[in-house]
Amino acid sequence: MRRWSRRIRGADVVLDLEDDLDRVIAELKASESDVRKSMSRALRRTATTLRVQASKRVVPELELRRAGDFRRRLRAMRARINREGGTVGIWVGLNDMGVSKFKGRVKETGAGASFRDQEFAGAFVAKGKDGRRSIFRRKRSARFPLAEEKLPIKDQVDVILEDEILPDAVAIFMKHFLSDLRARTVFRVGRNG
């Protein structure tokens, strides 16, 4: 079985903001330490914001029963800062999901079972471990083990991430960076003593 995942890095979104950043840093008279701390926090907050937006947008599109089933597939990676800038990654698990995770009714047909206009020949409908009806197939000719049939999500999620979520990444980062840098320089937040 092939597993799909996607790692979205901040480096994939080119931040051509050097002139704006230099102007803001000079205007606020920020130290290099404040800039690094603000950038680190802004990257982490940007990753969190992108995860939340992706979850809010993908769950209704896929018509999942529970949002937690997709949120478990979203992970923020550690933010890394260097002199040229920073990166933060978001890992998105794009493997196929079991039929029981989706809203809808499973039906038995003469050839097997169907769900959302997709036929599963040779499969049958039964209750899973969680008590929900789903579509299963025997792995061997024996009674057990059973494997739940799965639906692909990769194509739908890719389109949503690339067209709706990632284009906002720069604006989200700048909002978080500027607010944190302003708090550190103007209001002296995050300073010891």
C-alpha atoms as a PDB file:
ATOM      1  CA  MET A   1       0.000   0.000   0.000  1.00  0.00           C
ATOM      2  CA  ARG A   2       1.343   3.378  -0.906  1.00  0.00           C
ATOM      3  CA  ARG A   3       1.137   6.149   1.668  1.00  0.00           C
ATOM      4  CA  TRP A   4       0.741   9.759   0.710  1.00  0.00           C
ATOM      5  CA  SER A   5       1.835  12.657   2.776  1.00  0.00           C
ATOM      6  CA  ARG A   6       2.689  16.217   2.045  1.00  0.00           C
ATOM      7  CA  ARG A   7       5.099  18.429   3.865  1.00  0.00           C
ATOM      8  CA  ILE A   8       4.406  22.083   3.395  1.00  0.00           C
ATOM      9  CA  ARG A   9       7.373  24.264   4.253  1.00  0.00           C
ATOM     10  CA  GLY A  10       7.581  27.991   4.749  1.00  0.00           C
ATOM     11  CA  ALA A  11      10.412  27.909   2.175  1.00  0.00           C
ATOM     12  CA  ASP A  12       7.885  26.893  -0.494  1.00  0.00           C
ATOM     13  CA  VAL A  13       6.279  30.296  -0.067  1.00  0.00           C
ATOM     14  CA  VAL A  14       8.873  32.841  -1.085  1.00  0.00           C
ATOM     15  CA  LEU A  15       8.897  35.786   1.275  1.00  0.00           C
ATOM     16  CA  ASP A  16      10.164  38.758  -0.680  1.00  0.00           C
ATOM     17  CA  LEU A  17       9.701  41.162   2.199  1.00  0.00           C
ATOM     18  CA  GLU A  18      13.230  42.315   2.954  1.00  0.00           C
ATOM     19  CA  ASP A  19      12.562  45.988   2.176  1.00  0.00           C
ATOM     20  CA  ASP A  20       9.374  46.021   4.248  1.00  0.00           C
ATOM     21  CA  LEU A  21      10.984  44.146   7.126  1.00  0.00           C
ATOM     22  CA  ASP A  22      14.063  46.366   7.159  1.00  0.00           C
ATOM     23  CA  ARG A  23      11.874  49.474   7.191  1.00  0.00           C
ATOM     24  CA  VAL A  24       9.712  48.162  10.052  1.00  0.00           C
ATOM     25  CA  ILE A  25      12.728  46.965  12.050  1.00  0.00           C
ATOM     26  CA  ALA A  26      14.411  50.373  11.681  1.00  0.00           C
ATOM     27  CA  GLU A  27      11.190  52.206  12.508  1.00  0.00           C
ATOM     28  CA  LEU A  28      10.658  50.201  15.708  1.00  0.00           C
ATOM     29  CA  LYS A  29      14.377  50.226  16.604  1.00  0.00           C
ATOM     30  CA  ALA A  30      14.278  46.476  17.193  1.00  0.00           C
ATOM     31  CA  SER A  31      17.364  44.540  18.246  1.00  0.00           C
ATOM     32  CA  GLU A  32      18.473  41.421  16.391  1.00  0.00           C
ATOM     33  CA  SER A  33      17.410  39.330  19.379  1.00  0.00           C
ATOM     34  CA  ASP A  34      13.889  40.781  19.278  1.00  0.00           C
ATOM     35  CA  VAL A  35      13.659  40.152  15.532  1.00  0.00           C
ATOM     36  CA  ARG A  36      14.749  36.514  15.915  1.00  0.00           C
ATOM     37  CA  LYS A  37      12.333  35.868  18.782  1.00  0.00           C
ATOM     38  CA  SER A  38       9.481  37.558  16.941  1.00  0.00           C
ATOM     39  CA  MET A  39      10.222  35.611  13.767  1.00  0.00           C
ATOM     40  CA  SER A  40      10.309  32.323  15.669  1.00  0.00           C
ATOM     41  CA  ARG A  41       7.004  33.004  17.368  1.00  0.00           C
ATOM     42  CA  ALA A  42       5.413  34.270  14.155  1.00  0.00           C
ATOM     43  CA  LEU A  43       6.453  31.105  12.294  1.00  0.00           C
ATOM     44  CA  ARG A  44       4.954  28.882  14.975  1.00  0.00           C
ATOM     45  CA  ARG A  45       1.745  30.906  15.077  1.00  0.00           C
ATOM     46  CA  THR A  46       1.551  30.890  11.268  1.00  0.00           C
ATOM     47  CA  ALA A  47       1.835  27.106  11.226  1.00  0.00           C
ATOM     48  CA  THR A  48      -0.938  26.843  13.816  1.00  0.00           C
ATOM     49  CA  THR A  49      -3.158  29.237  11.894  1.00  0.00           C
ATOM     50  CA  LEU A  50      -2.630  27.327   8.642  1.00  0.00           C
ATOM     51  CA  ARG A  51      -3.453  24.044  10.386  1.00  0.00           C
ATOM     52  CA  VAL A  52      -6.691  25.469  11.783  1.00  0.00           C
ATOM     53  CA  GLN A  53      -7.697  26.983   8.435  1.00  0.00           C
ATOM     54  CA  ALA A  54      -6.937  23.743   6.610  1.00  0.00           C
ATOM     55  CA  SER A  55      -9.010  21.754   9.071  1.00  0.00           C
ATOM     56  CA  LYS A  56     -11.949  24.162   8.916  1.00  0.00           C
ATOM     57  CA  ARG A  57     -11.933  24.120   5.132  1.00  0.00           C
ATOM     58  CA  VAL A  58     -11.205  20.431   4.423  1.00  0.00           C
ATOM     59  CA  VAL A  59     -13.573  18.765   6.921  1.00  0.00           C
ATOM     60  CA  PRO A  60     -16.810  20.136   5.373  1.00  0.00           C
ATOM     61  CA  GLU A  61     -15.479  19.583   1.846  1.00  0.00           C
ATOM     62  CA  LEU A  62     -14.776  15.901   2.490  1.00  0.00           C
ATOM     63  CA  GLU A  63     -17.958  15.581   4.590  1.00  0.00           C
ATOM     64  CA  LEU A  64     -16.178  13.849   7.454  1.00  0.00           C
ATOM     65  CA  ARG A  65     -18.144  12.738  10.502  1.00  0.00           C
ATOM     66  CA  ARG A  66     -15.579  14.103  12.972  1.00  0.00           C
ATOM     67  CA  ALA A  67     -13.055  16.880  12.498  1.00  0.00           C
ATOM     68  CA  GLY A  68     -10.591  15.066  14.759  1.00  0.00           C
ATOM     69  CA  ASP A  69     -10.097  12.372  12.137  1.00  0.00           C
ATOM     70  CA  PHE A  70      -8.512  14.944   9.825  1.00  0.00           C
ATOM     71  CA  ARG A  71      -6.832  17.052  12.532  1.00  0.00           C
ATOM     72  CA  ARG A  72      -4.803  14.008  13.566  1.00  0.00           C
ATOM     73  CA  ARG A  73      -3.332  14.082  10.080  1.00  0.00           C
ATOM     74  CA  LEU A  74      -2.035  17.666  10.472  1.00  0.00           C
ATOM     75  CA  ARG A  75       1.248  18.243  12.271  1.00  0.00           C
ATOM     76  CA  ALA A  76       3.312  21.382  12.627  1.00  0.00           C
ATOM     77  CA  MET A  77       7.051  20.842  12.345  1.00  0.00           C
ATOM     78  CA  ARG A  78       9.663  22.661  14.366  1.00  0.00           C
ATOM     79  CA  ALA A  79      10.434  26.231  13.309  1.00  0.00           C
ATOM     80  CA  ARG A  80      14.028  26.882  12.233  1.00  0.00           C
ATOM     81  CA  ILE A  81      15.565  30.345  12.121  1.00  0.00           C
ATOM     82  CA  ASN A  82      18.832  31.356  10.464  1.00  0.00           C
ATOM     83  CA  ARG A  83      20.304  34.634   9.201  1.00  0.00           C
ATOM     84  CA  GLU A  84      18.448  34.496   5.877  1.00  0.00           C
ATOM     85  CA  GLY A  85      15.039  33.840   7.435  1.00  0.00           C
ATOM     86  CA  GLY A  86      13.102  30.917   8.805  1.00  0.00           C
ATOM     87  CA  THR A  87      11.147  27.847   7.847  1.00  0.00           C
ATOM     88  CA  VAL A  88       8.347  25.954   9.435  1.00  0.00           C
ATOM     89  CA  GLY A  89       6.723  22.857   8.023  1.00  0.00           C
ATOM     90  CA  ILE A  90       3.246  21.407   8.153  1.00  0.00           C
ATOM     91  CA  TRP A  91       2.879  17.698   7.572  1.00  0.00           C
ATOM     92  CA  VAL A  92      -0.429  16.594   6.096  1.00  0.00           C
ATOM     93  CA  GLY A  93      -1.282  12.898   5.983  1.00  0.00           C
ATOM     94  CA  LEU A  94      -3.028  12.244   2.677  1.00  0.00           C
ATOM     95  CA  ASN A  95      -3.497   8.473   2.863  1.00  0.00           C
ATOM     96  CA  ASP A  96      -6.924   7.123   2.007  1.00  0.00           C
ATOM     97  CA  MET A  97      -9.496   7.234   4.826  1.00  0.00           C
ATOM     98  CA  GLY A  98     -11.879   4.465   5.855  1.00  0.00           C
ATOM     99  CA  VAL A  99     -15.476   4.643   4.656  1.00  0.00           C
ATOM    100  CA  SER A 100     -16.772   4.865   8.247  1.00  0.00           C
ATOM    101  CA  LYS A 101     -15.043   8.251   8.683  1.00  0.00           C
ATOM    102  CA  PHE A 102     -17.294   9.902   6.069  1.00  0.00           C
ATOM    103  CA  LYS A 103     -20.909  11.042   6.322  1.00  0.00           C
ATOM    104  CA  GLY A 104     -23.296   9.045   4.201  1.00  0.00           C
ATOM    105  CA  ARG A 105     -25.048   5.699   3.997  1.00  0.00           C
ATOM    106  CA  VAL A 106     -23.443   2.460   2.925  1.00  0.00           C
ATOM    107  CA  LYS A 107     -25.585   0.161   0.757  1.00  0.00           C
ATOM    108  CA  GLU A 108     -25.355  -3.489  -0.114  1.00  0.00           C
ATOM    109  CA  THR A 109     -25.614  -4.208  -3.817  1.00  0.00           C
ATOM    110  CA  GLY A 110     -25.778  -7.402  -5.807  1.00  0.00           C
ATOM    111  CA  ALA A 111     -22.079  -7.236  -6.633  1.00  0.00           C
ATOM    112  CA  GLY A 112     -20.874  -6.065  -3.217  1.00  0.00           C
ATOM    113  CA  ALA A 113     -21.399  -2.681  -1.574  1.00  0.00           C
ATOM    114  CA  SER A 114     -21.530   0.979  -2.551  1.00  0.00           C
ATOM    115  CA  PHE A 115     -20.910   4.322  -0.887  1.00  0.00           C
ATOM    116  CA  ARG A 116     -21.256   7.775  -2.475  1.00  0.00           C
ATOM    117  CA  ASP A 117     -21.697   6.337  -5.972  1.00  0.00           C
ATOM    118  CA  GLN A 118     -18.524   4.261  -5.660  1.00  0.00           C
ATOM    119  CA  GLU A 119     -18.868   0.506  -6.054  1.00  0.00           C
ATOM    120  CA  PHE A 120     -16.803  -1.969  -4.045  1.00  0.00           C
ATOM    121  CA  ALA A 121     -17.196  -5.315  -5.793  1.00  0.00           C
ATOM    122  CA  GLY A 122     -16.778  -8.344  -3.546  1.00  0.00           C
ATOM    123  CA  ALA A 123     -17.119  -6.283  -0.363  1.00  0.00           C
ATOM    124  CA  PHE A 124     -19.853  -6.407   2.269  1.00  0.00           C
ATOM    125  CA  VAL A 125     -21.474  -4.136   4.852  1.00  0.00           C
ATOM    126  CA  ALA A 126     -20.917  -4.778   8.562  1.00  0.00           C
ATOM    127  CA  LYS A 127     -20.459  -2.908  11.832  1.00  0.00           C
ATOM    128  CA  GLY A 128     -16.897  -1.951  12.680  1.00  0.00           C
ATOM    129  CA  LYS A 129     -15.162  -1.745  16.052  1.00  0.00           C
ATOM    130  CA  ASP A 130     -16.641   1.699  16.665  1.00  0.00           C
ATOM    131  CA  GLY A 131     -20.202   0.422  16.043  1.00  0.00           C
ATOM    132  CA  ARG A 132     -20.665   2.211  12.709  1.00  0.00           C
ATOM    133  CA  ARG A 133     -21.722   0.441   9.573  1.00  0.00           C
ATOM    134  CA  SER A 134     -18.963   0.384   7.007  1.00  0.00           C
ATOM    135  CA  ILE A 135     -17.730  -1.572   4.009  1.00  0.00           C
ATOM    136  CA  PHE A 136     -15.277  -4.412   4.587  1.00  0.00           C
ATOM    137  CA  ARG A 137     -13.400  -6.928   2.483  1.00  0.00           C
ATOM    138  CA  ARG A 138     -11.805 -10.178   3.584  1.00  0.00           C
ATOM    139  CA  LYS A 139      -8.003 -10.175   3.353  1.00  0.00           C
ATOM    140  CA  ARG A 140      -7.903 -13.925   2.738  1.00  0.00           C
ATOM    141  CA  SER A 141     -10.430 -16.655   2.080  1.00  0.00           C
ATOM    142  CA  ALA A 142     -10.793 -17.252   5.842  1.00  0.00           C
ATOM    143  CA  ARG A 143     -13.402 -15.455   7.933  1.00  0.00           C
ATOM    144  CA  PHE A 144     -10.885 -13.084   9.490  1.00  0.00           C
ATOM    145  CA  PRO A 145      -8.988 -10.718   9.127  1.00  0.00           C
ATOM    146  CA  LEU A 146     -11.121  -8.013   7.589  1.00  0.00           C
ATOM    147  CA  ALA A 147      -9.995  -4.729   6.044  1.00  0.00           C
ATOM    148  CA  GLU A 148     -12.168  -1.639   5.832  1.00  0.00           C
ATOM    149  CA  GLU A 149     -12.513  -0.160   2.363  1.00  0.00           C
ATOM    150  CA  LYS A 150     -11.039   3.305   1.942  1.00  0.00           C
ATOM    151  CA  LEU A 151     -11.742   6.419  -0.095  1.00  0.00           C
ATOM    152  CA  PRO A 152      -8.992   8.626  -1.570  1.00  0.00           C
ATOM    153  CA  ILE A 153      -8.689  12.175  -0.220  1.00  0.00           C
ATOM    154  CA  LYS A 154      -5.389  13.312  -1.755  1.00  0.00           C
ATOM    155  CA  ASP A 155      -6.746  15.104  -4.834  1.00  0.00           C
ATOM    156  CA  GLN A 156      -9.403  17.078  -2.966  1.00  0.00           C
ATOM    157  CA  VAL A 157      -7.099  18.101  -0.119  1.00  0.00           C
ATOM    158  CA  ASP A 158      -4.263  19.098  -2.488  1.00  0.00           C
ATOM    159  CA  VAL A 159      -6.546  21.489  -4.360  1.00  0.00           C
ATOM    160  CA  ILE A 160      -7.822  23.098  -1.164  1.00  0.00           C
ATOM    161  CA  LEU A 161      -4.345  23.518   0.332  1.00  0.00           C
ATOM    162  CA  GLU A 162      -2.701  24.902  -2.802  1.00  0.00           C
ATOM    163  CA  ASP A 163      -5.534  27.182  -3.934  1.00  0.00           C
ATOM    164  CA  GLU A 164      -7.101  28.422  -0.702  1.00  0.00           C
ATOM    165  CA  ILE A 165      -4.800  27.945   2.297  1.00  0.00           C
ATOM    166  CA  LEU A 166      -1.184  28.467   1.180  1.00  0.00           C
ATOM    167  CA  PRO A 167      -1.640  31.748  -0.738  1.00  0.00           C
ATOM    168  CA  ASP A 168      -2.520  33.452   2.581  1.00  0.00           C
ATOM    169  CA  ALA A 169       0.630  32.228   4.344  1.00  0.00           C
ATOM    170  CA  VAL A 170       2.676  35.396   3.730  1.00  0.00           C
ATOM    171  CA  ALA A 171      -0.054  37.732   4.977  1.00  0.00           C
ATOM    172  CA  ILE A 172      -0.608  35.585   8.066  1.00  0.00           C
ATOM    173  CA  PHE A 173       3.129  35.481   8.830  1.00  0.00           C
ATOM    174  CA  MET A 174       3.481  39.267   8.452  1.00  0.00           C
ATOM    175  CA  LYS A 175       0.496  39.909  10.725  1.00  0.00           C
ATOM    176  CA  HIS A 176       1.909  37.694  13.468  1.00  0.00           C
ATOM    177  CA  PHE A 177       5.476  38.967  13.017  1.00  0.00           C
ATOM    178  CA  LEU A 178       4.577  42.658  13.120  1.00  0.00           C
ATOM    179  CA  SER A 179       2.265  42.328  16.119  1.00  0.00           C
ATOM    180  CA  ASP A 180       4.856  40.358  18.098  1.00  0.00           C
ATOM    181  CA  LEU A 181       7.743  42.675  17.151  1.00  0.00           C
ATOM    182  CA  ARG A 182       5.672  45.721  18.054  1.00  0.00           C
ATOM    183  CA  ALA A 183       4.809  44.151  21.441  1.00  0.00           C
ATOM    184  CA  ARG A 184       8.483  43.396  22.125  1.00  0.00           C
ATOM    185  CA  THR A 185       9.808  46.834  21.169  1.00  0.00           C
ATOM    186  CA  VAL A 186       7.049  49.290  22.028  1.00  0.00           C
ATOM    187  CA  PHE A 187       5.463  47.578  25.044  1.00  0.00           C
ATOM    188  CA  ARG A 188       8.620  45.725  26.212  1.00  0.00           C
ATOM    189  CA  VAL A 189       6.831  42.357  26.322  1.00  0.00           C
ATOM    190  CA  GLY A 190       9.067  39.301  26.742  1.00  0.00           C
ATOM    191  CA  ARG A 191      11.920  41.125  28.465  1.00  0.00           C
ATOM    192  CA  ASN A 192      13.365  40.003  31.752  1.00  0.00           C
ATOM    193  CA  GLY A 193      13.371  42.680  34.394  1.00  0.00           C
END
